[in-house]
Amino acid sequence: MDWKDVRGPDDIINIGKEKFTGFGKFLPLAIIGFLLLIGLTGTIYSIGPDEVGVVQRFGRYAYMTSPGLHAKLPFGIDKMTPIKVKRVFKEEFGVRTLRAGVKTQYSPHKYPEESLMLTGDLNILDVRWIVQFKVKDARDLLFKTRDPGDNVRDISEVVMRRLVGDYRVDEVLTTEREEINDLAQIEMQKILDNYQTGVQIVTVKLQDVNPPNEVKPAFNEVNEAKQEKERMINQAWEAYNKVIPRARGEAEKTIREAEGYQLDKVNRAKGEAERFMDTWAEYKKAPEITQKRLYLETMVEVIPKAKEKYIIDSEQTSILPLLNIGQKGGQQQ
């Protein structure tokens, strides 16, 4: 029907019916295409390199997918939740980081409700620390805990307050910090595993431990007195370590020298006695030969020491003319 042939309202109605009937042929195809588009959109999904995908079918856990492209059932049958399992999360206590970098900027606001703690010797400390954690079981994290961050914060505060309460104030400030870090990590992990939260504690680290500002001057004076005490004790031990070992060494040296002298004298005496006994035995065998040998040995020792030597005939009755006493004797004297 053409518009030129319209005569009244009934003709206009007939024209609308003809157009609607022509469009109605394509309506089912359009609906089917729309549904297919929605289905394809909800079927294909991607998992990042640091994630895993937990797939639920009608709300119940079905399976877990690794990084990459995957497909699932559309129209709400399957639901996929990505969980970051390789990312390390951080919770801060007593401090908040505004911007991390080479020069990290922290919030000027204080959090005393988190950081003020009582030590074992009834002192108050401002303890600030961080906890780093990551997901080790995506299924437990999704189905057995509602807010893992709050769980980590609550458990960390409970454990840290109990541990700080077991140590003296000077131990928390200096010598036992590493031990507190290790014990806090172990106990937090034990509690989180007991509740099946699917969270793994990577590290617990005390950042800054100080007395409150109100008592810091008095605390510094106490520390200075303790340091002075330790310095004097160390100096005394230094002097002790210098004198006592030296005296012990000298005493040991004197003892060893005396023992050596004693051994030398005893051995020499034994040697002389044995030599005398051997000489006596030989003398008894041939007295003349032994006497002559002893005489010759004595002459060998004496003659080199004499300045002037006189050889006298055995038949000479007097040696006075040979000595020239007149020149070297009484006349010059």
C-alpha atoms as a PDB file:
ATOM      1  CA  MET A   1       0.000   0.000   0.000  1.00  0.00           C
ATOM      2  CA  ASP A   2       1.372   3.417  -0.861  1.00  0.00           C
ATOM      3  CA  TRP A   3       0.883   6.621   1.072  1.00  0.00           C
ATOM      4  CA  LYS A   4      -0.823   8.087  -1.968  1.00  0.00           C
ATOM      5  CA  ASP A   5      -3.589   5.488  -1.601  1.00  0.00           C
ATOM      6  CA  VAL A   6      -4.337   6.332   2.053  1.00  0.00           C
ATOM      7  CA  ARG A   7      -7.900   7.379   2.501  1.00  0.00           C
ATOM      8  CA  GLY A   8      -8.325   7.324   6.298  1.00  0.00           C
ATOM      9  CA  PRO A   9      -7.138   6.040   9.711  1.00  0.00           C
ATOM     10  CA  ASP A  10      -7.768   2.402   8.822  1.00  0.00           C
ATOM     11  CA  ASP A  11      -5.380   2.621   5.934  1.00  0.00           C
ATOM     12  CA  ILE A  12      -2.654   4.014   8.258  1.00  0.00           C
ATOM     13  CA  ILE A  13      -3.095   1.062  10.672  1.00  0.00           C
ATOM     14  CA  ASN A  14      -2.760  -1.388   7.831  1.00  0.00           C
ATOM     15  CA  ILE A  15       0.524   0.223   6.723  1.00  0.00           C
ATOM     16  CA  GLY A  16       1.969  -0.170  10.357  1.00  0.00           C
ATOM     17  CA  LYS A  17       0.986  -3.823  10.456  1.00  0.00           C
ATOM     18  CA  GLU A  18       2.795  -4.537   7.219  1.00  0.00           C
ATOM     19  CA  LYS A  19       6.041  -2.908   8.462  1.00  0.00           C
ATOM     20  CA  PHE A  20       5.936  -4.695  11.857  1.00  0.00           C
ATOM     21  CA  THR A  21       5.398  -8.010  10.133  1.00  0.00           C
ATOM     22  CA  GLY A  22       8.523  -7.437   8.026  1.00  0.00           C
ATOM     23  CA  PHE A  23      10.722  -6.601  11.090  1.00  0.00           C
ATOM     24  CA  GLY A  24       9.330  -9.520  13.096  1.00  0.00           C
ATOM     25  CA  LYS A  25      11.020 -11.970  10.778  1.00  0.00           C
ATOM     26  CA  PHE A  26      14.457 -10.827  12.027  1.00  0.00           C
ATOM     27  CA  LEU A  27      13.604 -10.371  15.738  1.00  0.00           C
ATOM     28  CA  PRO A  28      14.345 -13.991  16.846  1.00  0.00           C
ATOM     29  CA  LEU A  29      17.701 -13.896  15.069  1.00  0.00           C
ATOM     30  CA  ALA A  30      18.570 -10.625  16.794  1.00  0.00           C
ATOM     31  CA  ILE A  31      17.638 -12.050  20.200  1.00  0.00           C
ATOM     32  CA  ILE A  32      19.685 -15.196  19.572  1.00  0.00           C
ATOM     33  CA  GLY A  33      22.693 -13.120  18.459  1.00  0.00           C
ATOM     34  CA  PHE A  34      22.403 -10.920  21.532  1.00  0.00           C
ATOM     35  CA  LEU A  35      22.313 -13.940  23.817  1.00  0.00           C
ATOM     36  CA  LEU A  36      25.307 -15.474  22.025  1.00  0.00           C
ATOM     37  CA  LEU A  37      27.242 -12.234  22.447  1.00  0.00           C
ATOM     38  CA  ILE A  38      26.494 -12.185  26.179  1.00  0.00           C
ATOM     39  CA  GLY A  39      27.428 -15.849  26.471  1.00  0.00           C
ATOM     40  CA  LEU A  40      30.734 -15.411  24.657  1.00  0.00           C
ATOM     41  CA  THR A  41      31.533 -12.341  26.713  1.00  0.00           C
ATOM     42  CA  GLY A  42      31.099 -14.296  29.957  1.00  0.00           C
ATOM     43  CA  THR A  43      32.772 -17.444  28.682  1.00  0.00           C
ATOM     44  CA  ILE A  44      36.302 -16.301  27.781  1.00  0.00           C
ATOM     45  CA  TYR A  45      38.448 -14.881  30.576  1.00  0.00           C
ATOM     46  CA  SER A  46      42.149 -14.181  31.215  1.00  0.00           C
ATOM     47  CA  ILE A  47      44.317 -14.865  34.263  1.00  0.00           C
ATOM     48  CA  GLY A  48      47.360 -12.668  34.913  1.00  0.00           C
ATOM     49  CA  PRO A  49      50.887 -14.034  35.446  1.00  0.00           C
ATOM     50  CA  ASP A  50      50.753 -13.408  39.217  1.00  0.00           C
ATOM     51  CA  GLU A  51      47.238 -14.813  39.677  1.00  0.00           C
ATOM     52  CA  VAL A  52      45.209 -18.008  39.764  1.00  0.00           C
ATOM     53  CA  GLY A  53      41.519 -18.247  38.927  1.00  0.00           C
ATOM     54  CA  VAL A  54      39.106 -19.941  41.329  1.00  0.00           C
ATOM     55  CA  VAL A  55      36.027 -21.166  39.400  1.00  0.00           C
ATOM     56  CA  GLN A  56      32.720 -21.735  41.205  1.00  0.00           C
ATOM     57  CA  ARG A  57      29.839 -23.636  39.631  1.00  0.00           C
ATOM     58  CA  PHE A  58      26.498 -22.620  41.094  1.00  0.00           C
ATOM     59  CA  GLY A  59      28.463 -21.166  44.034  1.00  0.00           C
ATOM     60  CA  ARG A  60      30.402 -24.348  44.836  1.00  0.00           C
ATOM     61  CA  TYR A  61      34.135 -24.670  44.230  1.00  0.00           C
ATOM     62  CA  ALA A  62      34.759 -26.402  40.886  1.00  0.00           C
ATOM     63  CA  TYR A  63      38.407 -26.063  39.872  1.00  0.00           C
ATOM     64  CA  MET A  64      41.375 -23.691  39.725  1.00  0.00           C
ATOM     65  CA  THR A  65      42.978 -22.269  36.589  1.00  0.00           C
ATOM     66  CA  SER A  66      46.535 -21.103  35.913  1.00  0.00           C
ATOM     67  CA  PRO A  67      47.648 -17.897  34.125  1.00  0.00           C
ATOM     68  CA  GLY A  68      46.468 -17.522  30.522  1.00  0.00           C
ATOM     69  CA  LEU A  69      43.197 -17.603  28.519  1.00  0.00           C
ATOM     70  CA  HIS A  70      40.445 -19.952  29.669  1.00  0.00           C
ATOM     71  CA  ALA A  71      36.742 -20.609  29.088  1.00  0.00           C
ATOM     72  CA  LYS A  72      33.875 -21.266  31.493  1.00  0.00           C
ATOM     73  CA  LEU A  73      30.181 -21.919  31.329  1.00  0.00           C
ATOM     74  CA  PRO A  74      28.163 -18.762  30.648  1.00  0.00           C
ATOM     75  CA  PHE A  75      24.945 -17.263  32.010  1.00  0.00           C
ATOM     76  CA  GLY A  76      26.141 -17.318  35.626  1.00  0.00           C
ATOM     77  CA  ILE A  77      26.647 -21.064  35.799  1.00  0.00           C
ATOM     78  CA  ASP A  78      30.367 -20.635  36.383  1.00  0.00           C
ATOM     79  CA  LYS A  79      31.830 -17.739  38.305  1.00  0.00           C
ATOM     80  CA  MET A  80      35.571 -16.994  38.246  1.00  0.00           C
ATOM     81  CA  THR A  81      37.451 -15.037  40.943  1.00  0.00           C
ATOM     82  CA  PRO A  82      41.098 -14.024  40.306  1.00  0.00           C
ATOM     83  CA  ILE A  83      43.415 -14.319  43.322  1.00  0.00           C
ATOM     84  CA  LYS A  84      46.899 -12.753  43.351  1.00  0.00           C
ATOM     85  CA  VAL A  85      49.126 -15.505  44.756  1.00  0.00           C
ATOM     86  CA  LYS A  86      52.569 -14.053  43.923  1.00  0.00           C
ATOM     87  CA  ARG A  87      52.048 -10.513  45.122  1.00  0.00           C
ATOM     88  CA  VAL A  88      53.464  -9.639  48.562  1.00  0.00           C
ATOM     89  CA  PHE A  89      51.064  -7.539  50.640  1.00  0.00           C
ATOM     90  CA  LYS A  90      52.095  -5.348  53.550  1.00  0.00           C
ATOM     91  CA  GLU A  91      50.404  -4.239  56.740  1.00  0.00           C
ATOM     92  CA  GLU A  92      51.891  -1.415  58.824  1.00  0.00           C
ATOM     93  CA  PHE A  93      51.433  -0.876  62.551  1.00  0.00           C
ATOM     94  CA  GLY A  94      52.019   2.439  64.296  1.00  0.00           C
ATOM     95  CA  VAL A  95      52.947   4.130  61.011  1.00  0.00           C
ATOM     96  CA  ARG A  96      51.543   4.616  57.504  1.00  0.00           C
ATOM     97  CA  THR A  97      53.519   5.044  54.303  1.00  0.00           C
ATOM     98  CA  LEU A  98      52.325   7.891  52.085  1.00  0.00           C
ATOM     99  CA  ARG A  99      54.787   7.359  49.239  1.00  0.00           C
ATOM    100  CA  ALA A 100      57.466   4.689  48.942  1.00  0.00           C
ATOM    101  CA  GLY A 101      60.751   5.324  47.168  1.00  0.00           C
ATOM    102  CA  VAL A 102      64.342   6.320  47.770  1.00  0.00           C
ATOM    103  CA  LYS A 103      63.085   8.777  50.393  1.00  0.00           C
ATOM    104  CA  THR A 104      59.975   7.174  51.802  1.00  0.00           C
ATOM    105  CA  GLN A 105      57.378   9.604  53.103  1.00  0.00           C
ATOM    106  CA  TYR A 106      55.370   8.592  56.175  1.00  0.00           C
ATOM    107  CA  SER A 107      52.160  10.008  57.541  1.00  0.00           C
ATOM    108  CA  PRO A 108      52.695  12.532  60.374  1.00  0.00           C
ATOM    109  CA  HIS A 109      49.688  11.085  62.171  1.00  0.00           C
ATOM    110  CA  LYS A 110      50.447   8.839  65.153  1.00  0.00           C
ATOM    111  CA  TYR A 111      48.696   5.576  65.961  1.00  0.00           C
ATOM    112  CA  PRO A 112      49.227   5.048  69.704  1.00  0.00           C
ATOM    113  CA  GLU A 113      46.365   2.555  69.915  1.00  0.00           C
ATOM    114  CA  GLU A 114      48.495   0.224  67.779  1.00  0.00           C
ATOM    115  CA  SER A 115      52.044   0.993  68.871  1.00  0.00           C
ATOM    116  CA  LEU A 116      52.022   1.625  72.639  1.00  0.00           C
ATOM    117  CA  MET A 117      52.926  -1.570  74.502  1.00  0.00           C
ATOM    118  CA  LEU A 118      53.880  -2.657  78.012  1.00  0.00           C
ATOM    119  CA  THR A 119      57.176  -4.534  78.449  1.00  0.00           C
ATOM    120  CA  GLY A 120      57.937  -7.296  80.917  1.00  0.00           C
ATOM    121  CA  ASP A 121      59.551  -4.869  83.407  1.00  0.00           C
ATOM    122  CA  LEU A 122      56.497  -2.562  83.297  1.00  0.00           C
ATOM    123  CA  ASN A 123      57.907   0.052  80.933  1.00  0.00           C
ATOM    124  CA  ILE A 124      56.002   1.556  78.008  1.00  0.00           C
ATOM    125  CA  LEU A 125      57.409   1.474  74.491  1.00  0.00           C
ATOM    126  CA  ASP A 126      56.262   2.880  71.173  1.00  0.00           C
ATOM    127  CA  VAL A 127      56.717  -0.167  68.903  1.00  0.00           C
ATOM    128  CA  ARG A 128      56.273   0.170  65.142  1.00  0.00           C
ATOM    129  CA  TRP A 129      56.524  -2.813  62.822  1.00  0.00           C
ATOM    130  CA  ILE A 130      55.445  -4.208  59.473  1.00  0.00           C
ATOM    131  CA  VAL A 131      54.085  -7.582  58.363  1.00  0.00           C
ATOM    132  CA  GLN A 132      54.502  -8.851  54.803  1.00  0.00           C
ATOM    133  CA  PHE A 133      52.365 -11.739  53.610  1.00  0.00           C
ATOM    134  CA  LYS A 134      51.082 -13.451  50.485  1.00  0.00           C
ATOM    135  CA  VAL A 135      48.437 -15.991  49.478  1.00  0.00           C
ATOM    136  CA  LYS A 136      49.520 -19.632  49.688  1.00  0.00           C
ATOM    137  CA  ASP A 137      46.089 -21.283  49.255  1.00  0.00           C
ATOM    138  CA  ALA A 138      43.601 -19.396  47.077  1.00  0.00           C
ATOM    139  CA  ARG A 139      40.751 -21.797  47.873  1.00  0.00           C
ATOM    140  CA  ASP A 140      41.050 -21.327  51.650  1.00  0.00           C
ATOM    141  CA  LEU A 141      41.423 -17.579  51.206  1.00  0.00           C
ATOM    142  CA  LEU A 142      38.209 -17.353  49.158  1.00  0.00           C
ATOM    143  CA  PHE A 143      35.982 -19.722  51.100  1.00  0.00           C
ATOM    144  CA  LYS A 144      37.289 -19.744  54.701  1.00  0.00           C
ATOM    145  CA  THR A 145      38.044 -16.105  55.445  1.00  0.00           C
ATOM    146  CA  ARG A 146      36.145 -12.917  54.804  1.00  0.00           C
ATOM    147  CA  ASP A 147      38.854 -10.282  55.206  1.00  0.00           C
ATOM    148  CA  PRO A 148      42.419 -11.687  55.313  1.00  0.00           C
ATOM    149  CA  GLY A 149      43.943  -8.237  55.819  1.00  0.00           C
ATOM    150  CA  ASP A 150      41.977  -7.685  59.030  1.00  0.00           C
ATOM    151  CA  ASN A 151      42.842 -11.202  60.167  1.00  0.00           C
ATOM    152  CA  VAL A 152      46.547 -10.520  59.719  1.00  0.00           C
ATOM    153  CA  ARG A 153      46.300  -7.187  61.553  1.00  0.00           C
ATOM    154  CA  ASP A 154      44.388  -8.584  64.532  1.00  0.00           C
ATOM    155  CA  ILE A 155      46.615 -11.629  64.945  1.00  0.00           C
ATOM    156  CA  SER A 156      49.782  -9.571  64.529  1.00  0.00           C
ATOM    157  CA  GLU A 157      48.793  -7.112  67.255  1.00  0.00           C
ATOM    158  CA  VAL A 158      47.923  -9.900  69.681  1.00  0.00           C
ATOM    159  CA  VAL A 159      51.181 -11.796  69.063  1.00  0.00           C
ATOM    160  CA  MET A 160      53.429  -8.715  69.147  1.00  0.00           C
ATOM    161  CA  ARG A 161      51.944  -7.393  72.386  1.00  0.00           C
ATOM    162  CA  ARG A 162      52.401 -10.765  74.076  1.00  0.00           C
ATOM    163  CA  LEU A 163      56.017 -11.086  72.917  1.00  0.00           C
ATOM    164  CA  VAL A 164      56.974  -7.543  73.932  1.00  0.00           C
ATOM    165  CA  GLY A 165      55.437  -8.266  77.337  1.00  0.00           C
ATOM    166  CA  ASP A 166      57.845 -11.195  77.761  1.00  0.00           C
ATOM    167  CA  TYR A 167      61.035  -9.086  77.437  1.00  0.00           C
ATOM    168  CA  ARG A 168      62.661  -6.236  79.330  1.00  0.00           C
ATOM    169  CA  VAL A 169      62.668  -2.793  77.808  1.00  0.00           C
ATOM    170  CA  ASP A 170      66.412  -2.794  77.053  1.00  0.00           C
ATOM    171  CA  GLU A 171      66.104  -6.206  75.338  1.00  0.00           C
ATOM    172  CA  VAL A 172      63.324  -4.988  73.051  1.00  0.00           C
ATOM    173  CA  LEU A 173      65.358  -1.897  72.208  1.00  0.00           C
ATOM    174  CA  THR A 174      68.651  -3.652  71.477  1.00  0.00           C
ATOM    175  CA  THR A 175      69.594  -7.304  71.741  1.00  0.00           C
ATOM    176  CA  GLU A 176      66.364  -9.289  71.272  1.00  0.00           C
ATOM    177  CA  ARG A 177      64.778  -7.540  68.299  1.00  0.00           C
ATOM    178  CA  GLU A 178      65.686 -10.254  65.793  1.00  0.00           C
ATOM    179  CA  GLU A 179      64.435 -12.941  68.135  1.00  0.00           C
ATOM    180  CA  ILE A 180      61.114 -11.127  68.550  1.00  0.00           C
ATOM    181  CA  ASN A 181      60.780 -10.863  64.750  1.00  0.00           C
ATOM    182  CA  ASP A 182      61.351 -14.598  64.296  1.00  0.00           C
ATOM    183  CA  LEU A 183      59.039 -15.661  67.129  1.00  0.00           C
ATOM    184  CA  ALA A 184      56.270 -13.325  65.910  1.00  0.00           C
ATOM    185  CA  GLN A 185      56.456 -14.771  62.394  1.00  0.00           C
ATOM    186  CA  ILE A 186      56.321 -18.358  63.675  1.00  0.00           C
ATOM    187  CA  GLU A 187      53.401 -17.773  66.047  1.00  0.00           C
ATOM    188  CA  MET A 188      51.395 -15.734  63.523  1.00  0.00           C
ATOM    189  CA  GLN A 189      51.812 -18.453  60.902  1.00  0.00           C
ATOM    190  CA  LYS A 190      50.706 -21.102  63.386  1.00  0.00           C
ATOM    191  CA  ILE A 191      47.488 -19.209  64.205  1.00  0.00           C
ATOM    192  CA  LEU A 192      46.712 -18.422  60.540  1.00  0.00           C
ATOM    193  CA  ASP A 193      47.189 -22.068  59.589  1.00  0.00           C
ATOM    194  CA  ASN A 194      44.983 -23.163  62.454  1.00  0.00           C
ATOM    195  CA  TYR A 195      42.155 -20.973  61.101  1.00  0.00           C
ATOM    196  CA  GLN A 196      42.886 -22.092  57.492  1.00  0.00           C
ATOM    197  CA  THR A 197      43.107 -18.552  56.155  1.00  0.00           C
ATOM    198  CA  GLY A 198      45.327 -19.491  53.197  1.00  0.00           C
ATOM    199  CA  VAL A 199      47.837 -16.743  54.132  1.00  0.00           C
ATOM    200  CA  GLN A 200      51.609 -17.162  54.411  1.00  0.00           C
ATOM    201  CA  ILE A 201      53.657 -14.708  56.479  1.00  0.00           C
ATOM    202  CA  VAL A 202      56.753 -13.643  54.555  1.00  0.00           C
ATOM    203  CA  THR A 203      58.413 -11.470  57.194  1.00  0.00           C
ATOM    204  CA  VAL A 204      57.770  -9.611  60.443  1.00  0.00           C
ATOM    205  CA  LYS A 205      60.156  -6.740  61.180  1.00  0.00           C
ATOM    206  CA  LEU A 206      60.357  -4.194  63.965  1.00  0.00           C
ATOM    207  CA  GLN A 207      60.887  -0.830  62.286  1.00  0.00           C
ATOM    208  CA  ASP A 208      61.224   1.679  65.099  1.00  0.00           C
ATOM    209  CA  VAL A 209      61.181   1.073  68.855  1.00  0.00           C
ATOM    210  CA  ASN A 210      61.357   4.079  71.159  1.00  0.00           C
ATOM    211  CA  PRO A 211      60.011   5.179  74.516  1.00  0.00           C
ATOM    212  CA  PRO A 212      57.067   7.626  74.378  1.00  0.00           C
ATOM    213  CA  ASN A 213      57.975  11.278  73.899  1.00  0.00           C
ATOM    214  CA  GLU A 214      56.792  12.172  77.414  1.00  0.00           C
ATOM    215  CA  VAL A 215      59.408   9.966  79.097  1.00  0.00           C
ATOM    216  CA  LYS A 216      62.132  10.034  76.458  1.00  0.00           C
ATOM    217  CA  PRO A 217      64.477  12.509  78.318  1.00  0.00           C
ATOM    218  CA  ALA A 218      64.426  10.446  81.508  1.00  0.00           C
ATOM    219  CA  PHE A 219      64.832   7.266  79.504  1.00  0.00           C
ATOM    220  CA  ASN A 220      67.855   8.711  77.707  1.00  0.00           C
ATOM    221  CA  GLU A 221      69.464   9.583  81.033  1.00  0.00           C
ATOM    222  CA  VAL A 222      68.959   6.028  82.249  1.00  0.00           C
ATOM    223  CA  ASN A 223      70.483   4.687  79.040  1.00  0.00           C
ATOM    224  CA  GLU A 224      73.471   7.010  79.355  1.00  0.00           C
ATOM    225  CA  ALA A 225      74.046   5.797  82.919  1.00  0.00           C
ATOM    226  CA  LYS A 226      73.858   2.171  81.755  1.00  0.00           C
ATOM    227  CA  GLN A 227      76.261   2.876  78.919  1.00  0.00           C
ATOM    228  CA  GLU A 228      78.699   4.541  81.320  1.00  0.00           C
ATOM    229  CA  LYS A 229      78.449   1.540  83.610  1.00  0.00           C
ATOM    230  CA  GLU A 230      79.124  -0.826  80.717  1.00  0.00           C
ATOM    231  CA  ARG A 231      82.054   1.338  79.582  1.00  0.00           C
ATOM    232  CA  MET A 232      83.681   1.237  83.008  1.00  0.00           C
ATOM    233  CA  ILE A 233      83.155  -2.514  83.278  1.00  0.00           C
ATOM    234  CA  ASN A 234      84.708  -3.008  79.859  1.00  0.00           C
ATOM    235  CA  GLN A 235      87.680  -0.847  80.777  1.00  0.00           C
ATOM    236  CA  ALA A 236      88.200  -2.867  83.971  1.00  0.00           C
ATOM    237  CA  TRP A 237      88.049  -6.109  82.008  1.00  0.00           C
ATOM    238  CA  GLU A 238      90.506  -4.655  79.500  1.00  0.00           C
ATOM    239  CA  ALA A 239      92.991  -3.836  82.257  1.00  0.00           C
ATOM    240  CA  TYR A 240      92.430  -7.255  83.807  1.00  0.00           C
ATOM    241  CA  ASN A 241      93.028  -8.980  80.479  1.00  0.00           C
ATOM    242  CA  LYS A 242      96.258  -7.060  80.023  1.00  0.00           C
ATOM    243  CA  VAL A 243      97.779  -7.677  83.480  1.00  0.00           C
ATOM    244  CA  ILE A 244      96.572 -11.120  84.513  1.00  0.00           C
ATOM    245  CA  PRO A 245      97.575 -13.043  81.366  1.00  0.00           C
ATOM    246  CA  ARG A 246     100.973 -11.331  81.356  1.00  0.00           C
ATOM    247  CA  ALA A 247     101.561 -12.238  85.033  1.00  0.00           C
ATOM    248  CA  ARG A 248     100.451 -15.798  84.352  1.00  0.00           C
ATOM    249  CA  GLY A 249     102.799 -15.964  81.377  1.00  0.00           C
ATOM    250  CA  GLU A 250     105.733 -14.665  83.389  1.00  0.00           C
ATOM    251  CA  ALA A 251     105.007 -17.122  86.213  1.00  0.00           C
ATOM    252  CA  GLU A 252     104.788 -19.950  83.730  1.00  0.00           C
ATOM    253  CA  LYS A 253     108.045 -18.812  82.142  1.00  0.00           C
ATOM    254  CA  THR A 254     109.816 -18.720  85.532  1.00  0.00           C
ATOM    255  CA  ILE A 255     108.530 -22.174  86.388  1.00  0.00           C
ATOM    256  CA  ARG A 256     109.691 -23.572  83.072  1.00  0.00           C
ATOM    257  CA  GLU A 257     113.146 -21.943  83.459  1.00  0.00           C
ATOM    258  CA  ALA A 258     113.499 -23.398  86.956  1.00  0.00           C
ATOM    259  CA  GLU A 259     112.477 -26.807  85.725  1.00  0.00           C
ATOM    260  CA  GLY A 260     114.975 -26.504  82.850  1.00  0.00           C
ATOM    261  CA  TYR A 261     117.746 -25.407  85.246  1.00  0.00           C
ATOM    262  CA  GLN A 262     116.940 -28.302  87.561  1.00  0.00           C
ATOM    263  CA  LEU A 263     116.984 -30.772  84.697  1.00  0.00           C
ATOM    264  CA  ASP A 264     120.252 -29.361  83.374  1.00  0.00           C
ATOM    265  CA  LYS A 265     121.995 -29.582  86.770  1.00  0.00           C
ATOM    266  CA  VAL A 266     120.745 -33.096  87.428  1.00  0.00           C
ATOM    267  CA  ASN A 267     121.807 -34.294  84.014  1.00  0.00           C
ATOM    268  CA  ARG A 268     125.200 -32.624  84.326  1.00  0.00           C
ATOM    269  CA  ALA A 269     125.743 -34.156  87.755  1.00  0.00           C
ATOM    270  CA  LYS A 270     124.774 -37.558  86.475  1.00  0.00           C
ATOM    271  CA  GLY A 271     127.095 -37.129  83.499  1.00  0.00           C
ATOM    272  CA  GLU A 272     130.036 -36.058  85.718  1.00  0.00           C
ATOM    273  CA  ALA A 273     129.419 -38.936  88.058  1.00  0.00           C
ATOM    274  CA  GLU A 274     129.298 -41.413  85.219  1.00  0.00           C
ATOM    275  CA  ARG A 275     132.435 -39.877  83.685  1.00  0.00           C
ATOM    276  CA  PHE A 276     134.255 -40.091  87.020  1.00  0.00           C
ATOM    277  CA  MET A 277     133.220 -43.696  87.491  1.00  0.00           C
ATOM    278  CA  ASP A 278     134.404 -44.553  83.977  1.00  0.00           C
ATOM    279  CA  THR A 279     137.719 -42.769  84.627  1.00  0.00           C
ATOM    280  CA  TRP A 280     138.111 -44.560  87.942  1.00  0.00           C
ATOM    281  CA  ALA A 281     137.499 -47.894  86.263  1.00  0.00           C
ATOM    282  CA  GLU A 282     140.143 -47.164  83.642  1.00  0.00           C
ATOM    283  CA  TYR A 283     142.566 -45.847  86.270  1.00  0.00           C
ATOM    284  CA  LYS A 284     142.381 -49.055  88.203  1.00  0.00           C
ATOM    285  CA  LYS A 285     143.286 -50.970  85.058  1.00  0.00           C
ATOM    286  CA  ALA A 286     146.413 -48.839  84.267  1.00  0.00           C
ATOM    287  CA  PRO A 287     147.238 -46.165  86.853  1.00  0.00           C
ATOM    288  CA  GLU A 288     150.381 -44.865  85.124  1.00  0.00           C
ATOM    289  CA  ILE A 289     148.692 -44.358  81.786  1.00  0.00           C
ATOM    290  CA  THR A 290     145.754 -42.636  83.393  1.00  0.00           C
ATOM    291  CA  GLN A 291     147.978 -40.336  85.414  1.00  0.00           C
ATOM    292  CA  LYS A 292     149.955 -39.413  82.318  1.00  0.00           C
ATOM    293  CA  ARG A 293     146.757 -38.786  80.335  1.00  0.00           C
ATOM    294  CA  LEU A 294     145.339 -36.578  83.066  1.00  0.00           C
ATOM    295  CA  TYR A 295     148.647 -34.718  83.243  1.00  0.00           C
ATOM    296  CA  LEU A 296     148.682 -34.120  79.497  1.00  0.00           C
ATOM    297  CA  GLU A 297     145.042 -33.008  79.452  1.00  0.00           C
ATOM    298  CA  THR A 298     145.777 -30.547  82.255  1.00  0.00           C
ATOM    299  CA  MET A 299     148.824 -29.181  80.421  1.00  0.00           C
ATOM    300  CA  VAL A 300     146.731 -28.731  77.287  1.00  0.00           C
ATOM    301  CA  GLU A 301     144.410 -26.479  79.229  1.00  0.00           C
ATOM    302  CA  VAL A 302     147.076 -24.608  81.251  1.00  0.00           C
ATOM    303  CA  ILE A 303     149.942 -23.970  78.796  1.00  0.00           C
ATOM    304  CA  PRO A 304     147.919 -21.839  76.281  1.00  0.00           C
ATOM    305  CA  LYS A 305     147.070 -19.455  79.143  1.00  0.00           C
ATOM    306  CA  ALA A 306     150.725 -18.916  80.264  1.00  0.00           C
ATOM    307  CA  LYS A 307     152.415 -15.741  78.960  1.00  0.00           C
ATOM    308  CA  GLU A 308     156.048 -16.980  79.290  1.00  0.00           C
ATOM    309  CA  LYS A 309     157.099 -20.595  79.038  1.00  0.00           C
ATOM    310  CA  TYR A 310     160.377 -22.122  80.452  1.00  0.00           C
ATOM    311  CA  ILE A 311     161.527 -25.509  79.394  1.00  0.00           C
ATOM    312  CA  ILE A 312     163.940 -26.902  82.062  1.00  0.00           C
ATOM    313  CA  ASP A 313     166.126 -29.892  81.946  1.00  0.00           C
ATOM    314  CA  SER A 314     165.072 -32.515  84.373  1.00  0.00           C
ATOM    315  CA  GLU A 315     168.653 -32.715  85.720  1.00  0.00           C
ATOM    316  CA  GLN A 316     168.788 -28.964  86.457  1.00  0.00           C
ATOM    317  CA  THR A 317     169.090 -28.397  90.199  1.00  0.00           C
ATOM    318  CA  SER A 318     168.108 -24.764  90.327  1.00  0.00           C
ATOM    319  CA  ILE A 319     166.131 -22.488  88.074  1.00  0.00           C
ATOM    320  CA  LEU A 320     167.100 -19.177  89.659  1.00  0.00           C
ATOM    321  CA  PRO A 321     169.826 -18.234  87.090  1.00  0.00           C
ATOM    322  CA  LEU A 322     167.282 -18.668  84.344  1.00  0.00           C
ATOM    323  CA  LEU A 323     164.687 -16.376  85.857  1.00  0.00           C
ATOM    324  CA  ASN A 324     166.987 -13.279  85.810  1.00  0.00           C
ATOM    325  CA  ILE A 325     165.713 -12.020  89.145  1.00  0.00           C
ATOM    326  CA  GLY A 326     168.285  -9.223  89.195  1.00  0.00           C
ATOM    327  CA  GLN A 327     166.555  -7.282  86.381  1.00  0.00           C
ATOM    328  CA  LYS A 328     162.959  -8.166  87.036  1.00  0.00           C
ATOM    329  CA  GLY A 329     163.169  -8.818  90.740  1.00  0.00           C
ATOM    330  CA  GLY A 330     164.295  -6.875  93.781  1.00  0.00           C
ATOM    331  CA  GLN A 331     166.688  -4.264  92.166  1.00  0.00           C
ATOM    332  CA  GLN A 332     163.940  -2.546  90.127  1.00  0.00           C
ATOM    333  CA  GLN A 333     161.447  -2.899  92.927  1.00  0.00           C
END
